[in-house]
Amino acid sequence: MTTQQTVKIQLVRSPIGTKESHRATVRGLGLRKLNSTSELKDTPEVRGMINKISYLVKVL
C-alpha cells in the first residue's frame, strides 16, 4: 500500500487574453474560476502542465 503524493494548485490570474493552449491547460488541471483550487497526483505530466502556466497558478 503506497501513498500517492499530491500537489495542490490555485488559479491566481485570469487566463483571459492568454494563448488557447494555456487556457486548455488551465481547464485540464481542473481549474475554473479565480482562486479555485485543485489537488492532483504529483506526476511528471502534471508538473509539466504547471510549469507551462506557472504565471497563472500558485502551488499551495
Protein backbone atom coordinates (compact mmCIF):
# COMPACT_ATOMS: atom_id res chain seq x y z
CA MET A 1 0.00 0.00 0.00
CA THR A 2 1.77 3.15 -1.25
CA THR A 3 0.51 6.65 -0.63
CA GLN A 4 0.45 8.75 -3.79
CA GLN A 5 1.94 12.25 -3.45
CA THR A 6 -0.37 15.07 -4.44
CA VAL A 7 0.16 18.67 -5.44
CA LYS A 8 -2.38 21.40 -4.70
CA ILE A 9 -2.62 24.34 -7.10
CA GLN A 10 -4.66 27.55 -7.13
CA LEU A 11 -5.58 29.78 -10.10
CA VAL A 12 -4.40 33.28 -9.16
CA ARG A 13 -4.50 35.09 -12.54
CA SER A 14 -7.20 35.10 -15.20
CA PRO A 15 -6.49 33.09 -18.35
CA ILE A 16 -8.38 35.69 -20.42
CA GLY A 17 -6.09 37.02 -23.12
CA THR A 18 -3.67 34.09 -22.93
CA LYS A 19 -2.93 31.52 -25.63
CA GLU A 20 -5.68 28.99 -26.34
CA SER A 21 -3.35 26.14 -25.35
CA HIS A 22 -2.73 27.78 -21.97
CA ARG A 23 -6.47 28.15 -21.37
CA ALA A 24 -6.91 24.48 -22.27
CA THR A 25 -4.15 23.57 -19.80
CA VAL A 26 -5.93 25.51 -17.02
CA ARG A 27 -9.13 23.57 -17.74
CA GLY A 28 -7.19 20.31 -17.95
CA LEU A 29 -5.88 20.87 -14.44
CA GLY A 30 -9.46 21.20 -13.19
CA LEU A 31 -9.37 24.95 -12.53
CA ARG A 32 -12.37 27.10 -13.37
CA LYS A 33 -12.76 30.42 -11.56
CA LEU A 34 -10.14 32.65 -9.99
CA ASN A 35 -8.86 31.32 -6.67
CA SER A 36 -10.26 27.86 -7.39
CA THR A 37 -8.02 25.05 -6.18
CA SER A 38 -7.35 21.57 -7.44
CA GLU A 39 -5.48 18.66 -5.86
CA LEU A 40 -3.84 16.33 -8.36
CA LYS A 41 -1.39 13.42 -8.36
CA ASP A 42 2.21 14.62 -8.46
CA THR A 43 3.26 13.17 -11.83
CA PRO A 44 5.72 14.48 -14.44
CA GLU A 45 2.76 15.20 -16.74
CA VAL A 46 1.02 17.38 -14.15
CA ARG A 47 4.31 19.10 -13.27
CA GLY A 48 4.81 19.94 -16.95
CA MET A 49 1.32 21.45 -17.16
CA ILE A 50 2.00 23.54 -14.04
CA ASN A 51 5.31 24.75 -15.50
CA LYS A 52 3.57 25.74 -18.74
CA ILE A 53 1.12 28.04 -16.93
CA SER A 54 3.29 28.92 -13.93
CA TYR A 55 2.46 32.62 -14.35
CA LEU A 56 -1.25 31.86 -13.78
CA VAL A 57 -1.13 29.45 -10.84
CA LYS A 58 0.31 29.12 -7.35
CA VAL A 59 1.39 25.81 -5.80
CA LEU A 60 -0.01 25.58 -2.27
